[in-house]
Amino acid sequence: MRISKSRIVADVSQGQAIVYFTTPHVRDPSDVQKIASEIEELAYNYKLDVIVINFRRLKQMTSAFLSRLIALNKSLRQINVKLRLCCMNPEVERAFRICKLHKVMPLYDTEEKALSA
């Protein structure tokens, strides 16, 4: 089932969701909070086991978004939902690796690998 929110679109099926950004940039603090809230809402409303965020469309983000992803990962783990990230462009992935976030939130090349991990 496809679910559209203001900042994300998600494909939800059998306890899993793949989340896609509707914008190539996450710069505004209100967007950061809105995206995190929409992802948390998916986890609660659809009783998910795994959420994969596909970063293919995202080209630019703020450091506040990185911080919010860490908090989101922590809150999802508390309700036994695994957060996985995939399909990052090189610049975004470089930011994740510089901050060593790939040790906290696994990065995958494809959606398939993220879902099957």
PDB file of N, CA and C in Angstrom:
ATOM      1  N   MET A   1       0.840  -1.165   0.000  1.00  0.00           N
ATOM      2  CA  MET A   1       0.000   0.000   0.000  1.00  0.00           C
ATOM      3  C   MET A   1       0.892   1.236   0.000  1.00  0.00           C
ATOM      4  N   ARG A   2       0.572   2.208  -0.824  1.00  0.00           N
ATOM      5  CA  ARG A   2       1.342   3.441  -0.907  1.00  0.00           C
ATOM      6  C   ARG A   2       0.688   4.490  -0.012  1.00  0.00           C
ATOM      7  N   ILE A   3       1.506   5.110   0.843  1.00  0.00           N
ATOM      8  CA  ILE A   3       1.033   6.133   1.773  1.00  0.00           C
ATOM      9  C   ILE A   3       1.775   7.421   1.465  1.00  0.00           C
ATOM     10  N   SER A   4       1.034   8.479   1.210  1.00  0.00           N
ATOM     11  CA  SER A   4       1.639   9.772   0.908  1.00  0.00           C
ATOM     12  C   SER A   4       1.465  10.711   2.087  1.00  0.00           C
ATOM     13  N   LYS A   5       2.566  11.318   2.486  1.00  0.00           N
ATOM     14  CA  LYS A   5       2.578  12.335   3.536  1.00  0.00           C
ATOM     15  C   LYS A   5       3.066  13.623   2.901  1.00  0.00           C
ATOM     16  N   SER A   6       3.264  14.649   3.705  1.00  0.00           N
ATOM     17  CA  SER A   6       3.676  15.929   3.128  1.00  0.00           C
ATOM     18  C   SER A   6       5.125  15.938   2.652  1.00  0.00           C
ATOM     19  N   ARG A   7       6.024  15.201   3.312  1.00  0.00           N
ATOM     20  CA  ARG A   7       7.437  15.228   2.956  1.00  0.00           C
ATOM     21  C   ARG A   7       7.984  13.877   2.494  1.00  0.00           C
ATOM     22  N   ILE A   8       7.186  12.824   2.681  1.00  0.00           N
ATOM     23  CA  ILE A   8       7.627  11.482   2.301  1.00  0.00           C
ATOM     24  C   ILE A   8       6.487  10.714   1.642  1.00  0.00           C
ATOM     25  N   VAL A   9       6.876   9.655   0.945  1.00  0.00           N
ATOM     26  CA  VAL A   9       5.939   8.667   0.412  1.00  0.00           C
ATOM     27  C   VAL A   9       6.478   7.324   0.889  1.00  0.00           C
ATOM     28  N   ALA A  10       5.584   6.432   1.283  1.00  0.00           N
ATOM     29  CA  ALA A  10       6.036   5.136   1.785  1.00  0.00           C
ATOM     30  C   ALA A  10       5.243   4.003   1.148  1.00  0.00           C
ATOM     31  N   ASP A  11       5.959   2.946   0.808  1.00  0.00           N
ATOM     32  CA  ASP A  11       5.339   1.702   0.372  1.00  0.00           C
ATOM     33  C   ASP A  11       5.374   0.761   1.572  1.00  0.00           C
ATOM     34  N   VAL A  12       4.195   0.380   2.058  1.00  0.00           N
ATOM     35  CA  VAL A  12       4.080  -0.450   3.251  1.00  0.00           C
ATOM     36  C   VAL A  12       3.520  -1.811   2.861  1.00  0.00           C
ATOM     37  N   SER A  13       4.193  -2.875   3.333  1.00  0.00           N
ATOM     38  CA  SER A  13       3.747  -4.223   3.032  1.00  0.00           C
ATOM     39  C   SER A  13       4.341  -5.203   4.039  1.00  0.00           C
ATOM     40  N   GLN A  14       3.516  -6.026   4.616  1.00  0.00           N
ATOM     41  CA  GLN A  14       3.938  -7.134   5.477  1.00  0.00           C
ATOM     42  C   GLN A  14       4.943  -6.726   6.554  1.00  0.00           C
ATOM     43  N   GLY A  15       4.641  -5.671   7.298  1.00  0.00           N
ATOM     44  CA  GLY A  15       5.486  -5.254   8.407  1.00  0.00           C
ATOM     45  C   GLY A  15       6.733  -4.488   8.008  1.00  0.00           C
ATOM     46  N   GLN A  16       6.824  -4.125   6.734  1.00  0.00           N
ATOM     47  CA  GLN A  16       7.981  -3.379   6.243  1.00  0.00           C
ATOM     48  C   GLN A  16       7.519  -2.133   5.502  1.00  0.00           C
ATOM     49  N   ALA A  17       8.342  -1.097   5.554  1.00  0.00           N
ATOM     50  CA  ALA A  17       8.045   0.122   4.798  1.00  0.00           C
ATOM     51  C   ALA A  17       9.320   0.615   4.136  1.00  0.00           C
ATOM     52  N   ILE A  18       9.160   1.073   2.904  1.00  0.00           N
ATOM     53  CA  ILE A  18      10.240   1.759   2.206  1.00  0.00           C
ATOM     54  C   ILE A  18       9.794   3.198   2.055  1.00  0.00           C
ATOM     55  N   VAL A  19      10.606   4.099   2.580  1.00  0.00           N
ATOM     56  CA  VAL A  19      10.273   5.522   2.615  1.00  0.00           C
ATOM     57  C   VAL A  19      11.101   6.254   1.568  1.00  0.00           C
ATOM     58  N   TYR A  20      10.424   7.123   0.821  1.00  0.00           N
ATOM     59  CA  TYR A  20      11.068   7.946  -0.201  1.00  0.00           C
ATOM     60  C   TYR A  20      10.815   9.414   0.121  1.00  0.00           C
ATOM     61  N   PHE A  21      11.798  10.247  -0.125  1.00  0.00           N
ATOM     62  CA  PHE A  21      11.632  11.685   0.073  1.00  0.00           C
ATOM     63  C   PHE A  21      10.883  12.289  -1.110  1.00  0.00           C
ATOM     64  N   THR A  22      10.060  13.285  -0.842  1.00  0.00           N
ATOM     65  CA  THR A  22       9.361  13.976  -1.924  1.00  0.00           C
ATOM     66  C   THR A  22      10.120  15.222  -2.372  1.00  0.00           C
ATOM     67  N   THR A  23      11.201  15.543  -1.701  1.00  0.00           N
ATOM     68  CA  THR A  23      12.002  16.710  -2.031  1.00  0.00           C
ATOM     69  C   THR A  23      13.478  16.319  -2.086  1.00  0.00           C
ATOM     70  N   PRO A  24      14.278  16.958  -2.939  1.00  0.00           N
ATOM     71  CA  PRO A  24      15.696  16.622  -2.992  1.00  0.00           C
ATOM     72  C   PRO A  24      16.540  17.304  -1.911  1.00  0.00           C
ATOM     73  N   HIS A  25      15.926  18.206  -1.136  1.00  0.00           N
ATOM     74  CA  HIS A  25      16.667  18.961  -0.123  1.00  0.00           C
ATOM     75  C   HIS A  25      15.912  18.961   1.200  1.00  0.00           C
ATOM     76  N   VAL A  26      16.647  18.752   2.281  1.00  0.00           N
ATOM     77  CA  VAL A  26      16.085  18.893   3.622  1.00  0.00           C
ATOM     78  C   VAL A  26      16.957  19.927   4.319  1.00  0.00           C
ATOM     79  N   ARG A  27      16.496  21.155   4.322  1.00  0.00           N
ATOM     80  CA  ARG A  27      17.274  22.262   4.881  1.00  0.00           C
ATOM     81  C   ARG A  27      16.556  22.956   6.031  1.00  0.00           C
ATOM     82  N   ASP A  28      15.265  23.055   5.924  1.00  0.00           N
ATOM     83  CA  ASP A  28      14.483  23.808   6.899  1.00  0.00           C
ATOM     84  C   ASP A  28      14.252  22.978   8.163  1.00  0.00           C
ATOM     85  N   PRO A  29      14.433  23.563   9.349  1.00  0.00           N
ATOM     86  CA  PRO A  29      14.207  22.814  10.595  1.00  0.00           C
ATOM     87  C   PRO A  29      12.799  22.224  10.706  1.00  0.00           C
ATOM     88  N   SER A  30      11.820  22.911  10.164  1.00  0.00           N
ATOM     89  CA  SER A  30      10.463  22.358  10.227  1.00  0.00           C
ATOM     90  C   SER A  30      10.334  21.113   9.343  1.00  0.00           C
ATOM     91  N   ASP A  31      11.058  21.070   8.229  1.00  0.00           N
ATOM     92  CA  ASP A  31      11.064  19.876   7.375  1.00  0.00           C
ATOM     93  C   ASP A  31      11.720  18.699   8.093  1.00  0.00           C
ATOM     94  N   VAL A  32      12.809  18.968   8.801  1.00  0.00           N
ATOM     95  CA  VAL A  32      13.514  17.932   9.552  1.00  0.00           C
ATOM     96  C   VAL A  32      12.554  17.274  10.536  1.00  0.00           C
ATOM     97  N   GLN A  33      11.865  18.085  11.311  1.00  0.00           N
ATOM     98  CA  GLN A  33      10.940  17.546  12.311  1.00  0.00           C
ATOM     99  C   GLN A  33       9.753  16.849  11.654  1.00  0.00           C
ATOM    100  N   LYS A  34       9.240  17.418  10.585  1.00  0.00           N
ATOM    101  CA  LYS A  34       8.078  16.848   9.905  1.00  0.00           C
ATOM    102  C   LYS A  34       8.399  15.457   9.349  1.00  0.00           C
ATOM    103  N   ILE A  35       9.552  15.312   8.712  1.00  0.00           N
ATOM    104  CA  ILE A  35       9.942  14.019   8.148  1.00  0.00           C
ATOM    105  C   ILE A  35      10.071  12.976   9.255  1.00  0.00           C
ATOM    106  N   ALA A  36      10.751  13.316  10.322  1.00  0.00           N
ATOM    107  CA  ALA A  36      10.923  12.367  11.428  1.00  0.00           C
ATOM    108  C   ALA A  36       9.572  11.981  12.027  1.00  0.00           C
ATOM    109  N   SER A  37       8.708  12.943  12.201  1.00  0.00           N
ATOM    110  CA  SER A  37       7.379  12.665  12.759  1.00  0.00           C
ATOM    111  C   SER A  37       6.570  11.762  11.837  1.00  0.00           C
ATOM    112  N   GLU A  38       6.651  11.998  10.543  1.00  0.00           N
ATOM    113  CA  GLU A  38       5.904  11.180   9.586  1.00  0.00           C
ATOM    114  C   GLU A  38       6.419   9.737   9.574  1.00  0.00           C
ATOM    115  N   ILE A  39       7.727   9.551   9.719  1.00  0.00           N
ATOM    116  CA  ILE A  39       8.284   8.201   9.760  1.00  0.00           C
ATOM    117  C   ILE A  39       7.879   7.496  11.055  1.00  0.00           C
ATOM    118  N   GLU A  40       7.940   8.191  12.171  1.00  0.00           N
ATOM    119  CA  GLU A  40       7.501   7.609  13.443  1.00  0.00           C
ATOM    120  C   GLU A  40       6.023   7.232  13.384  1.00  0.00           C
ATOM    121  N   GLU A  41       5.236   8.081  12.775  1.00  0.00           N
ATOM    122  CA  GLU A  41       3.797   7.823  12.632  1.00  0.00           C
ATOM    123  C   GLU A  41       3.562   6.525  11.845  1.00  0.00           C
ATOM    124  N   LEU A  42       4.344   6.320  10.795  1.00  0.00           N
ATOM    125  CA  LEU A  42       4.237   5.069  10.032  1.00  0.00           C
ATOM    126  C   LEU A  42       4.501   3.863  10.926  1.00  0.00           C
ATOM    127  N   ALA A  43       5.568   3.950  11.710  1.00  0.00           N
ATOM    128  CA  ALA A  43       5.946   2.831  12.584  1.00  0.00           C
ATOM    129  C   ALA A  43       4.828   2.485  13.552  1.00  0.00           C
ATOM    130  N   TYR A  44       4.219   3.483  14.133  1.00  0.00           N
ATOM    131  CA  TYR A  44       3.154   3.249  15.110  1.00  0.00           C
ATOM    132  C   TYR A  44       1.846   2.804  14.455  1.00  0.00           C
ATOM    133  N   ASN A  45       1.457   3.458  13.385  1.00  0.00           N
ATOM    134  CA  ASN A  45       0.160   3.175  12.771  1.00  0.00           C
ATOM    135  C   ASN A  45       0.105   1.853  12.015  1.00  0.00           C
ATOM    136  N   TYR A  46       1.241   1.393  11.507  1.00  0.00           N
ATOM    137  CA  TYR A  46       1.241   0.190  10.674  1.00  0.00           C
ATOM    138  C   TYR A  46       2.002  -0.974  11.309  1.00  0.00           C
ATOM    139  N   LYS A  47       2.390  -0.823  12.570  1.00  0.00           N
ATOM    140  CA  LYS A  47       3.058  -1.901  13.315  1.00  0.00           C
ATOM    141  C   LYS A  47       4.184  -2.538  12.493  1.00  0.00           C
ATOM    142  N   LEU A  48       5.150  -1.720  12.144  1.00  0.00           N
ATOM    143  CA  LEU A  48       6.241  -2.148  11.286  1.00  0.00           C
ATOM    144  C   LEU A  48       7.371  -2.800  12.064  1.00  0.00           C
ATOM    145  N   ASP A  49       8.079  -3.711  11.405  1.00  0.00           N
ATOM    146  CA  ASP A  49       9.280  -4.323  11.956  1.00  0.00           C
ATOM    147  C   ASP A  49      10.540  -3.661  11.395  1.00  0.00           C
ATOM    148  N   VAL A  50      10.461  -3.219  10.137  1.00  0.00           N
ATOM    149  CA  VAL A  50      11.603  -2.632   9.435  1.00  0.00           C
ATOM    150  C   VAL A  50      11.144  -1.412   8.651  1.00  0.00           C
ATOM    151  N   ILE A  51      11.941  -0.348   8.744  1.00  0.00           N
ATOM    152  CA  ILE A  51      11.738   0.834   7.901  1.00  0.00           C
ATOM    153  C   ILE A  51      13.036   1.074   7.148  1.00  0.00           C
ATOM    154  N   VAL A  52      12.941   1.110   5.830  1.00  0.00           N
ATOM    155  CA  VAL A  52      14.080   1.412   4.969  1.00  0.00           C
ATOM    156  C   VAL A  52      13.842   2.812   4.401  1.00  0.00           C
ATOM    157  N   ILE A  53      14.805   3.677   4.603  1.00  0.00           N
ATOM    158  CA  ILE A  53      14.715   5.009   4.013  1.00  0.00           C
ATOM    159  C   ILE A  53      15.605   5.026   2.774  1.00  0.00           C
ATOM    160  N   ASN A  54      14.984   5.268   1.625  1.00  0.00           N
ATOM    161  CA  ASN A  54      15.695   5.333   0.357  1.00  0.00           C
ATOM    162  C   ASN A  54      16.120   6.788   0.132  1.00  0.00           C
ATOM    163  N   PHE A  55      17.412   7.013   0.076  1.00  0.00           N
ATOM    164  CA  PHE A  55      17.973   8.360  -0.051  1.00  0.00           C
ATOM    165  C   PHE A  55      18.256   8.759  -1.501  1.00  0.00           C
ATOM    166  N   ARG A  56      17.808   7.954  -2.463  1.00  0.00           N
ATOM    167  CA  ARG A  56      18.131   8.211  -3.861  1.00  0.00           C
ATOM    168  C   ARG A  56      17.813   9.648  -4.288  1.00  0.00           C
ATOM    169  N   ARG A  57      16.681  10.141  -3.884  1.00  0.00           N
ATOM    170  CA  ARG A  57      16.257  11.475  -4.323  1.00  0.00           C
ATOM    171  C   ARG A  57      16.909  12.603  -3.518  1.00  0.00           C
ATOM    172  N   LEU A  58      17.358  12.314  -2.317  1.00  0.00           N
ATOM    173  CA  LEU A  58      17.896  13.357  -1.447  1.00  0.00           C
ATOM    174  C   LEU A  58      19.311  13.730  -1.875  1.00  0.00           C
ATOM    175  N   LYS A  59      19.508  14.981  -2.185  1.00  0.00           N
ATOM    176  CA  LYS A  59      20.813  15.469  -2.642  1.00  0.00           C
ATOM    177  C   LYS A  59      21.511  16.318  -1.590  1.00  0.00           C
ATOM    178  N   GLN A  60      20.740  16.902  -0.679  1.00  0.00           N
ATOM    179  CA  GLN A  60      21.321  17.805   0.303  1.00  0.00           C
ATOM    180  C   GLN A  60      20.489  17.785   1.577  1.00  0.00           C
ATOM    181  N   MET A  61      21.197  17.827   2.725  1.00  0.00           N
ATOM    182  CA  MET A  61      20.508  17.846   4.010  1.00  0.00           C
ATOM    183  C   MET A  61      21.357  18.612   5.016  1.00  0.00           C
ATOM    184  N   THR A  62      20.726  19.012   6.082  1.00  0.00           N
ATOM    185  CA  THR A  62      21.427  19.750   7.126  1.00  0.00           C
ATOM    186  C   THR A  62      21.984  18.786   8.169  1.00  0.00           C
ATOM    187  N   SER A  63      22.895  19.295   8.978  1.00  0.00           N
ATOM    188  CA  SER A  63      23.411  18.490  10.083  1.00  0.00           C
ATOM    189  C   SER A  63      22.303  18.227  11.104  1.00  0.00           C
ATOM    190  N   ALA A  64      21.324  19.113  11.185  1.00  0.00           N
ATOM    191  CA  ALA A  64      20.183  18.887  12.081  1.00  0.00           C
ATOM    192  C   ALA A  64      19.418  17.637  11.663  1.00  0.00           C
ATOM    193  N   PHE A  65      19.354  17.374  10.367  1.00  0.00           N
ATOM    194  CA  PHE A  65      18.678  16.174   9.903  1.00  0.00           C
ATOM    195  C   PHE A  65      19.457  14.927  10.320  1.00  0.00           C
ATOM    196  N   LEU A  66      20.774  14.984  10.265  1.00  0.00           N
ATOM    197  CA  LEU A  66      21.592  13.867  10.735  1.00  0.00           C
ATOM    198  C   LEU A  66      21.312  13.587  12.211  1.00  0.00           C
ATOM    199  N   SER A  67      21.278  14.630  13.002  1.00  0.00           N
ATOM    200  CA  SER A  67      20.988  14.488  14.436  1.00  0.00           C
ATOM    201  C   SER A  67      19.605  13.897  14.658  1.00  0.00           C
ATOM    202  N   ARG A  68      18.653  14.342  13.873  1.00  0.00           N
ATOM    203  CA  ARG A  68      17.281  13.852  14.032  1.00  0.00           C
ATOM    204  C   ARG A  68      17.169  12.393  13.617  1.00  0.00           C
ATOM    205  N   LEU A  69      17.951  11.974  12.623  1.00  0.00           N
ATOM    206  CA  LEU A  69      17.960  10.561  12.231  1.00  0.00           C
ATOM    207  C   LEU A  69      18.489   9.676  13.364  1.00  0.00           C
ATOM    208  N   ILE A  70      19.495  10.158  14.074  1.00  0.00           N
ATOM    209  CA  ILE A  70      20.025   9.411  15.222  1.00  0.00           C
ATOM    210  C   ILE A  70      18.935   9.250  16.276  1.00  0.00           C
ATOM    211  N   ALA A  71      18.241  10.337  16.580  1.00  0.00           N
ATOM    212  CA  ALA A  71      17.152  10.285  17.571  1.00  0.00           C
ATOM    213  C   ALA A  71      16.020   9.380  17.083  1.00  0.00           C
ATOM    214  N   LEU A  72      15.704   9.460  15.793  1.00  0.00           N
ATOM    215  CA  LEU A  72      14.661   8.612  15.219  1.00  0.00           C
ATOM    216  C   LEU A  72      15.049   7.139  15.342  1.00  0.00           C
ATOM    217  N   ASN A  73      16.286   6.816  15.022  1.00  0.00           N
ATOM    218  CA  ASN A  73      16.764   5.442  15.133  1.00  0.00           C
ATOM    219  C   ASN A  73      16.613   4.939  16.568  1.00  0.00           C
ATOM    220  N   LYS A  74      16.970   5.765  17.521  1.00  0.00           N
ATOM    221  CA  LYS A  74      16.872   5.374  18.934  1.00  0.00           C
ATOM    222  C   LYS A  74      15.417   5.142  19.342  1.00  0.00           C
ATOM    223  N   SER A  75      14.523   6.037  18.943  1.00  0.00           N
ATOM    224  CA  SER A  75      13.112   5.881  19.324  1.00  0.00           C
ATOM    225  C   SER A  75      12.478   4.670  18.633  1.00  0.00           C
ATOM    226  N   LEU A  76      12.877   4.387  17.404  1.00  0.00           N
ATOM    227  CA  LEU A  76      12.347   3.215  16.713  1.00  0.00           C
ATOM    228  C   LEU A  76      12.851   1.914  17.340  1.00  0.00           C
ATOM    229  N   ARG A  77      14.106   1.905  17.750  1.00  0.00           N
ATOM    230  CA  ARG A  77      14.652   0.707  18.413  1.00  0.00           C
ATOM    231  C   ARG A  77      13.890   0.395  19.695  1.00  0.00           C
ATOM    232  N   GLN A  78      13.430   1.424  20.394  1.00  0.00           N
ATOM    233  CA  GLN A  78      12.696   1.213  21.643  1.00  0.00           C
ATOM    234  C   GLN A  78      11.371   0.492  21.414  1.00  0.00           C
ATOM    235  N   ILE A  79      10.839   0.589  20.200  1.00  0.00           N
ATOM    236  CA  ILE A  79       9.595  -0.125  19.884  1.00  0.00           C
ATOM    237  C   ILE A  79       9.864  -1.303  18.933  1.00  0.00           C
ATOM    238  N   ASN A  80      11.143  -1.727  18.905  1.00  0.00           N
ATOM    239  CA  ASN A  80      11.580  -2.898  18.127  1.00  0.00           C
ATOM    240  C   ASN A  80      11.388  -2.748  16.614  1.00  0.00           C
ATOM    241  N   VAL A  81      11.622  -1.562  16.109  1.00  0.00           N
ATOM    242  CA  VAL A  81      11.589  -1.317  14.666  1.00  0.00           C
ATOM    243  C   VAL A  81      13.023  -1.047  14.216  1.00  0.00           C
ATOM    244  N   LYS A  82      13.463  -1.780  13.201  1.00  0.00           N
ATOM    245  CA  LYS A  82      14.810  -1.602  12.661  1.00  0.00           C
ATOM    246  C   LYS A  82      14.782  -0.529  11.574  1.00  0.00           C
ATOM    247  N   LEU A  83      15.709   0.412  11.666  1.00  0.00           N
ATOM    248  CA  LEU A  83      15.842   1.460  10.658  1.00  0.00           C
ATOM    249  C   LEU A  83      17.065   1.154   9.807  1.00  0.00           C
ATOM    250  N   ARG A  84      16.867   1.121   8.501  1.00  0.00           N
ATOM    251  CA  ARG A  84      17.951   0.876   7.558  1.00  0.00           C
ATOM    252  C   ARG A  84      17.915   1.954   6.482  1.00  0.00           C
ATOM    253  N   LEU A  85      19.077   2.293   5.972  1.00  0.00           N
ATOM    254  CA  LEU A  85      19.202   3.365   4.984  1.00  0.00           C
ATOM    255  C   LEU A  85      19.814   2.800   3.711  1.00  0.00           C
ATOM    256  N   CYS A  86      19.341   3.295   2.566  1.00  0.00           N
ATOM    257  CA  CYS A  86      19.888   2.787   1.304  1.00  0.00           C
ATOM    258  C   CYS A  86      19.924   3.862   0.229  1.00  0.00           C
ATOM    259  N   CYS A  87      20.671   3.533  -0.818  1.00  0.00           N
ATOM    260  CA  CYS A  87      20.702   4.293  -2.076  1.00  0.00           C
ATOM    261  C   CYS A  87      21.142   5.744  -1.902  1.00  0.00           C
ATOM    262  N   MET A  88      22.166   5.965  -1.104  1.00  0.00           N
ATOM    263  CA  MET A  88      22.654   7.336  -0.890  1.00  0.00           C
ATOM    264  C   MET A  88      23.533   7.784  -2.035  1.00  0.00           C
ATOM    265  N   ASN A  89      23.397   9.065  -2.378  1.00  0.00           N
ATOM    266  CA  ASN A  89      24.327   9.606  -3.359  1.00  0.00           C
ATOM    267  C   ASN A  89      25.673   9.809  -2.652  1.00  0.00           C
ATOM    268  N   PRO A  90      26.765   9.915  -3.384  1.00  0.00           N
ATOM    269  CA  PRO A  90      28.102   9.957  -2.764  1.00  0.00           C
ATOM    270  C   PRO A  90      28.293  11.083  -1.735  1.00  0.00           C
ATOM    271  N   GLU A  91      27.754  12.266  -1.987  1.00  0.00           N
ATOM    272  CA  GLU A  91      27.942  13.381  -1.053  1.00  0.00           C
ATOM    273  C   GLU A  91      27.241  13.120   0.280  1.00  0.00           C
ATOM    274  N   VAL A  92      26.039  12.611   0.218  1.00  0.00           N
ATOM    275  CA  VAL A  92      25.277  12.317   1.437  1.00  0.00           C
ATOM    276  C   VAL A  92      25.950  11.171   2.191  1.00  0.00           C
ATOM    277  N   GLU A  93      26.369  10.152   1.472  1.00  0.00           N
ATOM    278  CA  GLU A  93      27.045   9.027   2.122  1.00  0.00           C
ATOM    279  C   GLU A  93      28.350   9.466   2.773  1.00  0.00           C
ATOM    280  N   ARG A  94      29.062  10.348   2.144  1.00  0.00           N
ATOM    281  CA  ARG A  94      30.316  10.855   2.718  1.00  0.00           C
ATOM    282  C   ARG A  94      30.052  11.530   4.058  1.00  0.00           C
ATOM    283  N   ALA A  95      28.977  12.329   4.138  1.00  0.00           N
ATOM    284  CA  ALA A  95      28.620  12.982   5.404  1.00  0.00           C
ATOM    285  C   ALA A  95      28.323  11.941   6.481  1.00  0.00           C
ATOM    286  N   PHE A  96      27.610  10.878   6.115  1.00  0.00           N
ATOM    287  CA  PHE A  96      27.310   9.811   7.071  1.00  0.00           C
ATOM    288  C   PHE A  96      28.590   9.138   7.565  1.00  0.00           C
ATOM    289  N   ARG A  97      29.490   8.873   6.662  1.00  0.00           N
ATOM    290  CA  ARG A  97      30.714   8.173   7.039  1.00  0.00           C
ATOM    291  C   ARG A  97      31.652   9.070   7.855  1.00  0.00           C
ATOM    292  N   ILE A  98      31.728  10.345   7.516  1.00  0.00           N
ATOM    293  CA  ILE A  98      32.558  11.273   8.279  1.00  0.00           C
ATOM    294  C   ILE A  98      32.074  11.347   9.728  1.00  0.00           C
ATOM    295  N   CYS A  99      30.762  11.362   9.892  1.00  0.00           N
ATOM    296  CA  CYS A  99      30.168  11.411  11.240  1.00  0.00           C
ATOM    297  C   CYS A  99      30.097  10.038  11.890  1.00  0.00           C
ATOM    298  N   LYS A 100      30.548   9.013  11.174  1.00  0.00           N
ATOM    299  CA  LYS A 100      30.542   7.623  11.644  1.00  0.00           C
ATOM    300  C   LYS A 100      29.128   7.100  11.938  1.00  0.00           C
ATOM    301  N   LEU A 101      28.144   7.652  11.252  1.00  0.00           N
ATOM    302  CA  LEU A 101      26.762   7.223  11.445  1.00  0.00           C
ATOM    303  C   LEU A 101      26.497   5.846  10.843  1.00  0.00           C
ATOM    304  N   HIS A 102      27.326   5.434   9.884  1.00  0.00           N
ATOM    305  CA  HIS A 102      27.148   4.104   9.287  1.00  0.00           C
ATOM    306  C   HIS A 102      27.376   2.997  10.319  1.00  0.00           C
ATOM    307  N   LYS A 103      28.006   3.328  11.444  1.00  0.00           N
ATOM    308  CA  LYS A 103      28.188   2.338  12.514  1.00  0.00           C
ATOM    309  C   LYS A 103      26.936   2.206  13.377  1.00  0.00           C
ATOM    310  N   VAL A 104      26.104   3.238  13.352  1.00  0.00           N
ATOM    311  CA  VAL A 104      24.873   3.261  14.147  1.00  0.00           C
ATOM    312  C   VAL A 104      23.670   2.823  13.313  1.00  0.00           C
ATOM    313  N   MET A 105      23.633   3.281  12.076  1.00  0.00           N
ATOM    314  CA  MET A 105      22.541   2.965  11.151  1.00  0.00           C
ATOM    315  C   MET A 105      23.154   2.365   9.890  1.00  0.00           C
ATOM    316  N   PRO A 106      22.887   1.096   9.615  1.00  0.00           N
ATOM    317  CA  PRO A 106      23.516   0.457   8.463  1.00  0.00           C
ATOM    318  C   PRO A 106      23.102   1.084   7.135  1.00  0.00           C
ATOM    319  N   LEU A 107      24.066   1.182   6.231  1.00  0.00           N
ATOM    320  CA  LEU A 107      23.838   1.700   4.884  1.00  0.00           C
ATOM    321  C   LEU A 107      23.908   0.542   3.890  1.00  0.00           C
ATOM    322  N   TYR A 108      22.983   0.545   2.944  1.00  0.00           N
ATOM    323  CA  TYR A 108      22.930  -0.517   1.931  1.00  0.00           C
ATOM    324  C   TYR A 108      22.873   0.115   0.539  1.00  0.00           C
ATOM    325  N   ASP A 109      23.385  -0.620  -0.434  1.00  0.00           N
ATOM    326  CA  ASP A 109      23.390  -0.139  -1.817  1.00  0.00           C
ATOM    327  C   ASP A 109      21.997  -0.130  -2.429  1.00  0.00           C
ATOM    328  N   THR A 110      21.184  -1.142  -2.075  1.00  0.00           N
ATOM    329  CA  THR A 110      19.867  -1.289  -2.695  1.00  0.00           C
ATOM    330  C   THR A 110      18.786  -1.517  -1.638  1.00  0.00           C
ATOM    331  N   GLU A 111      17.550  -1.303  -2.047  1.00  0.00           N
ATOM    332  CA  GLU A 111      16.410  -1.579  -1.169  1.00  0.00           C
ATOM    333  C   GLU A 111      16.350  -3.063  -0.818  1.00  0.00           C
ATOM    334  N   GLU A 112      16.621  -3.917  -1.792  1.00  0.00           N
ATOM    335  CA  GLU A 112      16.563  -5.353  -1.588  1.00  0.00           C
ATOM    336  C   GLU A 112      17.532  -5.802  -0.505  1.00  0.00           C
ATOM    337  N   LYS A 113      18.757  -5.290  -0.555  1.00  0.00           N
ATOM    338  CA  LYS A 113      19.749  -5.641   0.462  1.00  0.00           C
ATOM    339  C   LYS A 113      19.334  -5.129   1.837  1.00  0.00           C
ATOM    340  N   ALA A 114      18.776  -3.937   1.875  1.00  0.00           N
ATOM    341  CA  ALA A 114      18.342  -3.360   3.148  1.00  0.00           C
ATOM    342  C   ALA A 114      17.202  -4.183   3.754  1.00  0.00           C
ATOM    343  N   LEU A 115      16.274  -4.611   2.926  1.00  0.00           N
ATOM    344  CA  LEU A 115      15.150  -5.383   3.426  1.00  0.00           C
ATOM    345  C   LEU A 115      15.557  -6.784   3.877  1.00  0.00           C
ATOM    346  N   SER A 116      16.510  -7.377   3.200  1.00  0.00           N
ATOM    347  CA  SER A 116      16.873  -8.755   3.516  1.00  0.00           C
ATOM    348  C   SER A 116      17.947  -8.871   4.591  1.00  0.00           C
ATOM    349  N   ALA A 117      18.533  -7.771   5.003  1.00  0.00           N
ATOM    350  CA  ALA A 117      19.614  -7.811   6.006  1.00  0.00           C
ATOM    351  C   ALA A 117      19.116  -8.250   7.370  1.00  0.00           C
TER     352      ALA A 117
END
